[in-house]
Protein backbone atom coordinates (compact mmCIF):
# COMPACT_ATOMS: atom_id res chain seq x y z
CA MET A 1 0.00 0.00 0.00
CA PHE A 2 2.78 2.42 0.90
CA GLU A 3 5.42 1.73 -1.76
CA LEU A 4 8.20 4.25 -2.28
CA ASN A 5 8.56 5.73 -5.76
CA THR A 6 10.95 3.37 -7.58
CA SER A 7 11.38 5.39 -10.78
CA THR A 8 15.04 5.80 -11.68
CA ALA A 9 14.48 8.75 -14.03
CA SER A 10 15.71 12.18 -13.04
CA SER A 11 14.15 15.48 -14.16
CA VAL A 12 14.75 19.12 -13.27
CA LYS A 13 11.13 19.65 -12.23
CA ASN A 14 11.05 16.60 -9.95
CA ASP A 15 14.41 17.45 -8.42
CA VAL A 16 13.46 21.06 -7.69
CA LEU A 17 10.05 20.26 -6.22
CA SER A 18 11.28 17.31 -4.17
CA GLY A 19 14.19 19.42 -2.91
CA LEU A 20 11.74 22.09 -1.75
CA THR A 21 9.70 19.43 0.05
CA VAL A 22 12.81 18.13 1.80
CA ALA A 23 13.82 21.65 2.84
CA LEU A 24 10.48 22.16 4.60
CA ALA A 25 10.91 18.91 6.52
CA LEU A 26 14.55 19.73 7.34
CA VAL A 27 13.66 22.76 9.44
CA PRO A 28 12.11 21.12 12.53
CA GLU A 29 14.58 18.23 12.55
CA ALA A 30 17.64 20.51 12.32
CA ILE A 31 16.26 22.58 15.19
CA ALA A 32 15.46 19.50 17.27
CA PHE A 33 18.91 17.97 16.78
CA ALA A 34 20.56 21.30 17.64
CA PHE A 35 18.70 21.26 20.96
CA VAL A 36 19.82 17.66 21.54
CA ALA A 37 23.45 18.66 20.96
CA GLY A 38 23.09 21.60 23.33
CA VAL A 39 23.69 24.33 20.71
CA GLU A 40 21.67 27.16 19.19
CA PRO A 41 19.07 26.29 16.49
CA LEU A 42 21.02 28.16 13.81
CA VAL A 43 24.03 25.88 14.43
CA GLY A 44 21.88 22.94 13.35
CA LEU A 45 20.30 24.83 10.44
CA TYR A 46 23.68 25.98 9.13
CA ALA A 47 24.93 22.40 9.31
CA ALA A 48 21.91 21.15 7.38
CA PHE A 49 22.53 23.80 4.70
CA MET A 50 26.29 23.36 4.30
CA VAL A 51 26.53 19.58 4.68
CA GLY A 52 23.51 19.13 2.42
CA LEU A 53 24.86 21.45 -0.27
CA ILE A 54 28.43 20.12 -0.39
CA THR A 55 27.50 16.42 -0.33
CA ALA A 56 24.88 17.05 -3.02
CA CYS A 57 27.58 18.63 -5.21
CA ILE A 58 30.53 16.27 -4.70
CA GLY A 59 29.16 13.23 -2.86
CA GLY A 60 28.92 9.75 -4.29
CA ARG A 61 25.13 9.34 -4.22
CA PRO A 62 22.93 11.74 -6.20
CA GLY A 63 19.51 12.12 -4.62
CA MET A 64 20.69 11.38 -1.06
CA ILE A 65 20.09 14.10 1.52
CA SER A 66 22.58 14.95 4.27
CA GLY A 67 22.33 17.26 7.27
CA ALA A 68 22.40 17.44 11.05
CA THR A 69 21.34 14.08 12.55
CA GLY A 70 20.37 12.74 15.96
CA ALA A 71 22.93 9.94 15.81
CA LEU A 72 25.71 12.54 15.85
CA ALA A 73 23.94 14.95 18.21
CA VAL A 74 23.88 12.48 21.10
CA VAL A 75 27.68 12.19 20.88
CA MET A 76 28.19 15.95 20.63
CA VAL A 77 26.16 16.89 23.70
CA THR A 78 28.80 15.69 26.17
CA LEU A 79 31.59 17.58 24.41
CA VAL A 80 29.54 20.78 24.33
CA ALA A 81 28.54 20.43 27.98
CA ASP A 82 32.11 19.80 29.16
CA HIS A 83 34.13 22.12 26.92
CA GLY A 84 31.81 24.43 24.98
CA VAL A 85 30.63 24.84 21.40
CA GLU A 86 34.03 25.98 20.06
CA TYR A 87 35.48 22.56 20.85
CA LEU A 88 32.55 21.06 18.94
CA PHE A 89 33.48 23.07 15.85
CA ALA A 90 37.10 21.88 16.16
CA ALA A 91 35.95 18.27 16.57
CA VAL A 92 33.77 18.57 13.46
CA VAL A 93 36.76 19.81 11.44
CA LEU A 94 38.87 16.84 12.59
CA MET A 95 35.93 14.52 11.97
CA GLY A 96 35.80 15.73 8.37
CA ILE A 97 39.52 15.18 7.89
CA LEU A 98 39.21 11.60 9.16
CA GLN A 99 36.33 10.95 6.76
CA ILE A 100 38.34 12.33 3.84
CA LEU A 101 41.18 9.96 4.75
CA ALA A 102 38.70 7.06 4.88
CA GLY A 103 37.65 7.88 1.32
CA VAL A 104 41.20 8.39 0.08
CA PHE A 105 42.24 4.99 1.46
CA LYS A 106 39.08 3.45 -0.04
CA LEU A 107 37.61 2.20 3.23
CA GLY A 108 34.07 2.69 1.94
CA LYS A 109 34.22 -0.76 0.36
CA PHE A 110 33.97 -2.35 3.79
CA ILE A 111 30.26 -1.54 3.84
CA ARG A 112 29.98 -4.68 1.71
CA ILE A 113 30.59 -6.84 4.77
CA VAL A 114 27.26 -5.74 6.23
CA PRO A 115 24.95 -8.77 5.78
CA HIS A 116 21.42 -8.45 4.41
CA PRO A 117 19.72 -9.25 7.77
CA VAL A 118 21.69 -6.35 9.29
CA MET A 119 20.46 -4.10 6.48
CA LEU A 120 16.86 -5.17 7.12
CA GLY A 121 17.30 -4.60 10.83
CA PHE A 122 18.86 -1.20 10.13
CA VAL A 123 15.91 -0.15 7.94
CA ASN A 124 13.27 -1.42 10.36
CA GLY A 125 15.03 0.04 13.38
CA LEU A 126 15.35 3.46 11.79
CA ALA A 127 11.70 3.39 10.70
CA ILE A 128 10.76 2.78 14.33
CA VAL A 129 13.16 5.52 15.47
CA ILE A 130 11.64 8.02 13.02
CA PHE A 131 8.16 7.10 14.26
CA LEU A 132 9.06 7.39 17.93
CA ALA A 133 10.86 10.69 17.33
CA GLN A 134 7.58 12.20 16.11
CA LEU A 135 5.82 11.41 19.38
CA GLY A 136 7.51 14.36 21.01
CA GLN A 137 5.40 16.62 18.79
CA PHE A 138 2.27 15.43 20.59
CA GLY A 139 3.44 16.87 23.88
CA VAL A 140 3.52 20.01 25.94
CA ASN A 141 7.14 21.05 26.38
CA GLY A 142 8.48 21.10 29.90
CA GLU A 143 5.88 18.84 31.51
CA GLN A 144 6.53 15.30 32.66
CA GLY A 145 4.90 12.39 30.90
CA TRP A 146 5.18 8.67 30.42
CA LEU A 147 7.80 9.22 27.72
CA SER A 148 9.82 11.62 29.86
CA GLY A 149 13.58 11.19 29.60
CA THR A 150 13.38 8.52 26.91
CA SER A 151 15.85 8.92 24.05
CA PHE A 152 15.23 7.61 20.56
CA GLU A 153 18.19 8.06 18.18
CA GLY A 154 19.08 11.33 19.79
CA THR A 155 15.56 12.74 20.12
CA VAL A 156 14.86 13.13 23.83
CA ILE A 157 11.18 13.04 24.61
CA ASP A 158 10.31 14.97 27.75
CA VAL A 159 6.63 15.66 27.33
CA ALA A 160 3.10 15.06 28.53
CA TRP A 161 0.37 14.37 25.98
CA ILE A 162 -1.62 17.28 24.64
CA GLU A 163 -5.30 16.73 25.25
CA GLY A 164 -8.77 17.70 24.12
CA THR A 165 -9.40 19.74 21.00
CA LYS A 166 -5.72 20.38 20.28
CA LEU A 167 -5.01 16.66 20.16
CA TYR A 168 -7.97 15.95 17.86
CA VAL A 169 -7.04 18.82 15.55
CA MET A 170 -3.47 17.63 15.30
CA LEU A 171 -4.49 14.02 14.62
CA GLY A 172 -6.94 15.22 11.98
CA LEU A 173 -4.29 17.31 10.23
CA ILE A 174 -1.84 14.39 10.30
CA PHE A 175 -4.47 12.11 8.80
CA LEU A 176 -5.33 14.70 6.12
CA THR A 177 -1.64 15.04 5.24
CA MET A 178 -1.22 11.28 4.88
CA VAL A 179 -4.39 10.96 2.78
CA ILE A 180 -3.21 13.69 0.39
CA ILE A 181 0.25 12.13 0.05
CA HIS A 182 -1.21 8.70 -0.65
CA PHE A 183 -4.01 9.58 -3.06
CA LEU A 184 -2.80 12.70 -4.91
CA PRO A 185 -0.38 10.73 -7.17
CA LYS A 186 -3.38 8.76 -8.45
CA ILE A 187 -4.84 12.06 -9.71
CA THR A 188 -1.75 14.00 -10.79
CA LYS A 189 2.02 13.80 -10.49
CA ALA A 190 2.64 17.38 -11.55
CA ILE A 191 3.70 18.28 -8.00
CA PRO A 192 5.19 16.04 -5.27
CA SER A 193 2.36 14.87 -3.06
CA SER A 194 4.34 15.66 0.12
CA LEU A 195 4.81 19.30 -0.93
CA ALA A 196 1.17 19.60 -1.94
CA ALA A 197 0.07 18.14 1.40
CA ILE A 198 2.20 20.63 3.37
CA ILE A 199 0.82 23.58 1.37
CA ILE A 200 -2.82 22.45 1.57
CA VAL A 201 -2.70 21.71 5.30
CA THR A 202 -0.94 25.02 6.01
CA LEU A 203 -3.58 26.97 4.06
CA ALA A 204 -6.32 25.05 5.85
CA VAL A 205 -4.90 25.93 9.26
CA ILE A 206 -4.53 29.60 8.34
CA GLY A 207 -7.91 29.84 6.60
CA LEU A 208 -9.83 28.09 9.38
CA ASN A 209 -7.74 29.73 12.10
CA LEU A 210 -7.10 26.38 13.78
CA ASP A 211 -5.30 26.27 17.11
CA THR A 212 -2.37 23.92 16.51
CA LYS A 213 1.40 23.91 16.98
CA VAL A 214 3.41 25.48 14.15
CA VAL A 215 7.14 25.56 13.39
CA GLY A 216 7.44 29.01 14.94
CA ASP A 217 6.32 27.57 18.28
CA VAL A 218 9.40 25.34 18.32
CA ALA A 219 12.02 28.02 17.59
CA SER A 220 12.76 30.98 15.36
CA ILE A 221 14.72 30.14 12.22
CA ALA A 222 15.59 33.72 11.23
CA GLY A 223 19.30 34.33 10.73
CA GLY A 224 22.01 35.61 8.43
CA PHE A 225 24.46 33.98 6.02
CA PRO A 226 26.97 31.69 7.80
CA SER A 227 30.36 33.39 8.19
CA PHE A 228 33.88 31.95 8.27
CA HIS A 229 34.95 31.26 11.82
CA ILE A 230 38.11 29.52 13.02
CA PRO A 231 37.27 27.53 16.18
CA MET A 232 38.45 29.54 19.20
CA VAL A 233 40.37 26.77 20.95
CA PRO A 234 44.02 26.50 22.05
CA LEU A 235 46.08 24.95 19.28
CA ASN A 236 47.96 22.45 21.42
CA TRP A 237 48.24 18.74 22.13
CA GLU A 238 45.76 18.88 25.01
CA THR A 239 43.03 20.24 22.75
CA PHE A 240 43.80 17.58 20.17
CA MET A 241 43.47 14.79 22.75
CA ILE A 242 40.16 16.25 23.96
CA ILE A 243 38.52 16.32 20.54
CA LEU A 244 40.18 13.22 19.00
CA PRO A 245 37.95 10.55 20.68
CA TYR A 246 34.82 12.51 19.78
CA SER A 247 36.00 13.06 16.21
CA ILE A 248 36.74 9.35 15.69
CA ILE A 249 33.30 8.34 16.99
CA LEU A 250 31.54 11.04 14.98
CA ALA A 251 33.43 10.11 11.80
CA ALA A 252 32.61 6.41 12.23
CA ILE A 253 28.92 6.98 12.96
CA GLY A 254 28.62 9.48 10.13
CA LEU A 255 30.20 7.16 7.56
CA ILE A 256 28.28 4.08 8.68
CA GLU A 257 24.94 5.88 8.53
CA SER A 258 25.82 7.54 5.21
CA LEU A 259 27.02 4.36 3.52
CA LEU A 260 24.06 2.31 4.72
CA THR A 261 21.67 5.01 3.54
CA LEU A 262 23.55 5.05 0.23
CA THR A 263 23.04 1.30 -0.09
CA LEU A 264 19.33 1.67 0.68
CA VAL A 265 18.87 4.44 -1.92
CA ASP A 266 20.80 2.27 -4.40
CA GLU A 267 18.29 -0.54 -3.92
CA ILE A 268 15.26 1.72 -4.22
CA THR A 269 16.47 3.58 -7.32
CA GLN A 270 18.14 0.51 -8.86
CA THR A 271 21.32 2.50 -9.42
CA ARG A 272 24.74 2.40 -7.79
CA GLY A 273 26.42 5.12 -5.76
CA LYS A 274 30.14 5.47 -5.05
CA GLY A 275 30.97 4.73 -1.43
CA ASN A 276 34.51 6.10 -1.33
CA LYS A 277 33.47 9.28 -3.12
CA GLU A 278 30.69 9.70 -0.56
CA CYS A 279 33.25 9.36 2.25
CA VAL A 280 35.30 12.20 0.73
CA GLY A 281 32.16 14.27 0.15
CA GLN A 282 31.02 13.85 3.75
CA GLY A 283 34.52 14.69 4.96
CA VAL A 284 34.83 17.88 2.91
CA ALA A 285 31.33 18.93 4.01
CA ASN A 286 32.08 18.48 7.69
CA THR A 287 35.47 20.16 7.48
CA VAL A 288 33.92 23.23 5.85
CA THR A 289 30.95 23.18 8.24
CA GLY A 290 33.26 23.24 11.26
CA PHE A 291 34.83 26.45 9.94
CA PHE A 292 31.43 28.09 9.41
CA GLY A 293 29.79 27.47 12.78
CA GLY A 294 27.87 24.29 11.95
CA MET A 295 27.47 21.15 14.06
CA GLY A 296 28.36 18.73 11.27
CA GLY A 297 26.21 15.94 9.91
CA CYS A 298 25.80 12.92 7.69
CA ALA A 299 23.22 11.27 5.43
CA MET A 300 19.64 11.40 6.71
CA ILE A 301 17.56 8.35 5.91
CA GLY A 302 14.23 10.06 6.62
CA GLN A 303 14.92 13.06 4.39
CA SER A 304 16.48 10.83 1.73
CA MET A 305 13.31 8.74 1.66
CA ILE A 306 11.18 11.89 1.35
CA ASN A 307 13.35 12.97 -1.57
CA VAL A 308 13.20 9.60 -3.30
CA ASN A 309 9.46 9.30 -2.70
CA SER A 310 8.92 12.80 -4.15
CA GLY A 311 10.80 11.94 -7.35
CA GLY A 312 14.21 13.42 -6.49
CA ARG A 313 16.97 11.49 -8.24
CA GLY A 314 19.68 13.94 -9.30
CA ARG A 315 22.14 16.20 -7.50
CA LEU A 316 19.83 19.13 -8.16
CA SER A 317 17.37 17.81 -5.57
CA GLY A 318 19.93 18.00 -2.76
CA ILE A 319 21.23 21.36 -3.97
CA THR A 320 17.68 22.73 -4.10
CA ALA A 321 16.95 21.46 -0.58
CA ALA A 322 20.07 23.14 0.83
CA LEU A 323 19.59 26.45 -0.98
CA SER A 324 15.89 26.52 -0.11
CA LEU A 325 16.76 26.02 3.53
CA LEU A 326 19.17 28.96 3.34
CA MET A 327 16.45 31.09 1.72
CA PHE A 328 14.12 30.16 4.56
CA ILE A 329 16.73 31.32 7.08
CA LEU A 330 17.48 34.58 5.26
CA PHE A 331 14.14 35.71 3.85
CA ALA A 332 11.17 33.44 4.52
CA SER A 333 11.43 32.53 8.17
CA SER A 334 8.10 34.20 9.00
CA LEU A 335 6.31 32.11 6.37
CA ILE A 336 7.99 28.82 7.25
CA GLU A 337 7.23 29.33 10.93
CA LYS A 338 3.50 29.21 10.04
CA ILE A 339 3.69 25.61 8.76
CA PRO A 340 1.80 23.26 11.10
CA VAL A 341 4.00 20.70 12.79
CA ALA A 342 1.21 18.17 12.12
CA ALA A 343 1.84 18.43 8.36
CA LEU A 344 5.53 17.57 8.81
CA VAL A 345 4.66 14.72 11.21
CA GLY A 346 2.27 13.33 8.60
CA VAL A 347 5.02 13.39 5.99
CA MET A 348 7.35 11.53 8.36
CA PHE A 349 4.67 8.93 9.13
CA ILE A 350 4.38 8.20 5.41
CA VAL A 351 8.17 7.86 5.34
CA VAL A 352 7.94 5.36 8.21
CA LEU A 353 5.34 3.27 6.37
CA GLY A 354 7.40 3.31 3.19
CA THR A 355 10.75 2.65 4.88
CA PHE A 356 9.79 -0.25 7.12
CA GLU A 357 10.35 -3.63 5.44
CA TRP A 358 6.92 -5.15 6.06
CA SER A 359 8.00 -8.24 4.14
CA SER A 360 10.38 -9.06 7.00
CA PHE A 361 7.40 -10.33 9.01
CA ARG A 362 6.59 -12.76 6.21
CA ILE A 363 10.12 -14.06 5.76
CA LEU A 364 11.00 -14.47 9.45
CA LYS A 365 9.79 -18.08 9.43
CA LYS A 366 11.44 -18.84 6.09
CA ILE A 367 14.99 -17.61 6.71
CA PRO A 368 17.49 -19.31 9.07
CA LYS A 369 16.82 -18.67 12.74
CA SER A 370 20.22 -17.00 13.08
CA ASP A 371 19.36 -14.45 10.37
CA ALA A 372 15.98 -13.78 11.97
CA PHE A 373 17.71 -13.23 15.31
CA VAL A 374 20.20 -10.78 13.77
CA LEU A 375 17.38 -8.87 12.05
CA ILE A 376 15.43 -8.44 15.28
CA LEU A 377 18.58 -7.72 17.31
CA VAL A 378 19.77 -4.93 15.01
CA SER A 379 16.30 -3.35 14.99
CA ALA A 380 16.15 -3.40 18.78
CA VAL A 381 19.69 -2.07 19.29
CA THR A 382 19.07 0.71 16.76
CA VAL A 383 16.06 1.87 18.75
CA ALA A 384 17.73 1.43 22.15
CA THR A 385 21.13 2.99 21.34
CA ASP A 386 22.18 4.21 17.90
CA LEU A 387 22.83 3.03 14.38
CA ALA A 388 26.61 2.61 14.63
CA ILE A 389 26.42 0.31 17.66
CA ALA A 390 23.57 -1.66 16.08
CA VAL A 391 25.46 -2.25 12.84
CA VAL A 392 28.67 -3.26 14.64
CA VAL A 393 26.72 -5.65 16.88
CA GLY A 394 24.91 -7.09 13.87
CA VAL A 395 28.10 -7.64 11.87
CA ILE A 396 29.86 -9.27 14.84
CA VAL A 397 26.95 -11.61 15.59
CA SER A 398 26.62 -12.50 11.89
CA ALA A 399 30.36 -13.21 11.68
CA LEU A 400 30.23 -15.44 14.76
CA VAL A 401 27.24 -17.33 13.35
CA PHE A 402 29.07 -17.74 10.04
CA ALA A 403 32.18 -19.03 11.81
CA TRP A 404 30.14 -21.46 13.90
CA GLU A 405 28.28 -22.85 10.90
CA HIS A 406 31.41 -23.22 8.76
CA ALA A 407 33.28 -24.87 11.61
CA LYS A 408 31.15 -27.93 10.86
CA HIS A 409 32.21 -27.99 7.21
CA VAL A 410 35.66 -29.48 7.83
CA ILE A 411 35.39 -33.14 6.90
CA VAL A 412 38.30 -35.56 7.36
CA THR A 413 38.10 -38.85 5.45
CA LYS A 414 40.34 -41.70 6.58
CA LYS A 415 41.55 -44.55 4.32
CA GLN A 416 44.48 -46.91 3.67
CA ASP A 417 46.55 -46.65 0.46
CA GLU A 418 48.26 -49.46 -1.44
CA ASN A 419 51.42 -49.04 0.64
CA GLY A 420 49.63 -49.54 3.95
CA SER A 421 49.88 -45.88 4.91
CA THR A 422 47.01 -44.11 6.66
CA VAL A 423 45.71 -41.26 4.48
CA TYR A 424 43.59 -38.40 5.77
CA ASP A 425 41.84 -36.31 3.09
CA VAL A 426 40.83 -32.93 4.52
CA GLN A 427 37.94 -30.99 2.99
CA GLY A 428 36.80 -27.50 3.98
CA PRO A 429 38.38 -24.36 5.48
CA LEU A 430 40.75 -24.65 8.41
CA PHE A 431 40.35 -21.56 10.62
CA PHE A 432 39.85 -20.61 14.27
CA GLY A 433 36.33 -21.96 14.38
CA SER A 434 37.05 -25.35 12.82
CA VAL A 435 40.45 -26.36 14.27
CA SER A 436 38.99 -28.11 17.31
CA TYR A 437 36.64 -30.23 15.19
CA PHE A 438 39.50 -30.91 12.75
CA LEU A 439 41.85 -32.24 15.44
CA GLN A 440 39.11 -34.43 16.93
CA GLN A 441 38.79 -36.34 13.66
CA LEU A 442 42.40 -37.56 13.62
CA SER A 443 43.53 -40.45 15.85
CA PRO A 444 47.36 -40.83 15.93
CA SER A 445 47.34 -43.84 18.28
CA GLU A 446 45.13 -45.91 15.92
CA ASP A 447 47.00 -45.21 12.68
CA SER A 448 49.79 -47.05 10.91
CA ASP A 449 53.41 -45.94 11.36
CA ASP A 450 53.25 -43.93 8.13
CA VAL A 451 50.57 -41.23 7.95
CA ILE A 452 49.66 -38.83 5.13
CA VAL A 453 47.49 -35.75 5.65
CA ASP A 454 46.34 -34.31 2.31
CA PHE A 455 45.11 -30.69 2.18
CA ARG A 456 44.34 -30.70 -1.57
CA GLN A 457 40.64 -29.90 -0.91
CA SER A 458 41.23 -27.68 2.08
CA ARG A 459 42.56 -24.21 2.72
CA VAL A 460 44.37 -22.86 5.77
CA CYS A 461 42.74 -19.49 6.47
CA ASP A 462 44.45 -18.06 9.54
CA HIS A 463 47.04 -18.42 12.29
CA SER A 464 44.81 -20.84 14.22
CA GLY A 465 44.86 -23.21 11.24
CA LEU A 466 48.66 -23.13 11.16
CA GLU A 467 48.84 -23.81 14.89
CA ALA A 468 46.49 -26.76 14.43
CA ILE A 469 48.85 -28.29 11.84
CA ASP A 470 51.81 -27.76 14.18
CA THR A 471 49.83 -29.40 17.01
CA LEU A 472 48.97 -32.30 14.71
CA ALA A 473 52.64 -32.81 13.82
CA GLU A 474 53.59 -32.81 17.50
CA ARG A 475 50.96 -35.44 18.32
CA PHE A 476 52.10 -37.84 15.59
CA THR A 477 55.77 -37.30 16.46
CA ASN A 478 55.07 -38.15 20.11
CA GLU A 479 53.39 -41.37 18.94
CA GLY A 480 56.50 -42.27 16.95
CA LYS A 481 54.68 -42.02 13.62
CA THR A 482 56.08 -40.65 10.37
CA LEU A 483 53.88 -37.80 9.13
CA HIS A 484 53.68 -36.48 5.56
CA ILE A 485 51.78 -33.25 4.88
CA ARG A 486 50.79 -32.64 1.28
CA HIS A 487 49.38 -29.81 -0.82
CA LEU A 488 49.94 -26.80 1.40
CA SER A 489 50.70 -23.41 -0.12
CA GLU A 490 54.23 -22.01 -0.05
CA GLU A 491 53.22 -19.37 2.49
CA CYS A 492 51.85 -22.07 4.81
CA ARG A 493 55.18 -23.90 4.70
CA GLN A 494 57.02 -20.70 5.63
CA LEU A 495 54.74 -19.96 8.56
CA LEU A 496 54.73 -23.45 10.10
CA VAL A 497 57.07 -23.83 13.06
CA LYS A 498 57.03 -27.50 14.03
CA ALA A 499 55.60 -29.10 10.90
CA GLY A 500 57.47 -27.12 8.26
CA ASP A 501 59.96 -29.90 7.55
CA LEU A 502 57.19 -32.48 7.23
CA VAL A 503 55.55 -30.83 4.23
CA GLU A 504 56.13 -32.55 0.90
CA VAL A 505 56.75 -29.97 -1.83
CA ASN A 506 55.14 -30.49 -5.23
CA VAL A 507 55.64 -27.37 -7.33
CA ILE A 508 53.08 -28.43 -9.94
CA GLU A 509 50.22 -29.51 -7.63
CA ASP A 510 50.68 -27.33 -4.55
CA PRO A 511 48.17 -24.43 -4.36
CA THR A 512 49.01 -20.74 -4.10
CA TYR A 513 47.15 -18.61 -1.58
CA HIS A 514 47.85 -16.32 1.33
CA VAL A 515 47.03 -16.82 4.99
CA ALA A 516 45.49 -14.02 7.06
CA VAL A 517 48.25 -13.71 9.68
CA ASP A 518 50.94 -11.18 10.53
CA LYS A 519 53.75 -13.56 11.48
CA LEU A 520 55.88 -12.42 8.53
CA ALA A 521 55.57 -8.73 9.42
């Protein structure tokens, strides 16, 4: 029912209109994340403008929207509270430099190790986070409520529910917004349905003089053009050590969220972005932002989905969003502040419905239990903590599951050859997870005096595999047996300590591969 627009075509009209829609939705989020980070609203708005503009121009994923995000804001708040906003600007500059280095050294390719269940969990978790973050708009600021003190991806909810007529009006406006967004494309696609919904609902509120929360009730967005500003911090080693841990964490979170969002937009648009180029783009954007009084940022999945759903595909959509936001700050703040918050919440609810992978419910019983567990785990950790931790946890758990499953794939077949020697044929990878099972399948005390272990159909993957072969040689030597080891790579022979002299060299048949160890370094 709520499918995102999957058209891959890009047009100037669609890009401009979708960019304008995104800019309207950027305003309250940039302000909210600025409050989370403990800085002025304009610091968040400037970041949304500069990061969005630069990544749209030089980033690796046309159509993806970047700006100030909650995942970064929750890390920044401690630095701001302990040392002040100037240290934040310095940390953002260093963060950008680290991200540029990640792109230069082509580290963006490592996003490929993120398994599909982790991607599904990431998408579902962020959809839930976006939904929960909107609940704060249903509250009266400053009062205590059942959601008080709860943090969802950086959006702290400290509210009590609004009641009575105000609640019903807001729910009605949200419903009207969602209805317009869903049904307008069936009538016309001349204008993005999200933009049309925001305009119609705003006019309805003004025309009917409805009492509901508007953007201006959250904060004023009026301001000037961002000016160059070197962070006012001591240029010494102490300052560097203060900001370095924050910069590393911010750079990692920013790149993980950006690259995963890039992958998601790739799947929706059926095109392919450039991960390493996006790393450089994010880095340049944050470096510049730090010198212009912005709080830094990264890709925003919610805004990117709004853009994609509104037909934005090219770089012009991101450029339009950033420039429109700047125009709002400079000239149109009084108009933008009249937009009902309910209209923006309705847009985000449609994003939630379109982002969440509803098919994951259907496939949970069809996929391996380990994959289902990872999917649910990543979703839960994303909601409870943040995206970076969730992805790291998901990748680690997936890797451990993979290692456990492949540990069972080492099969050792025992037989006697025509000379009376005991021959062990080893099949499967020999690595840290499989060495124990491998050693259990060999029985030195029961074999003949001459034993052959053939690794033709096996591969030694790491240091643990080499140690297992050395242990095997020691066991047979202690039993007084003669051991022959065949078909190991040249590198394996060099790295073996105890069994190196037992390897039979056959230049024609021996394989060539490298082992993932650092013993030769």
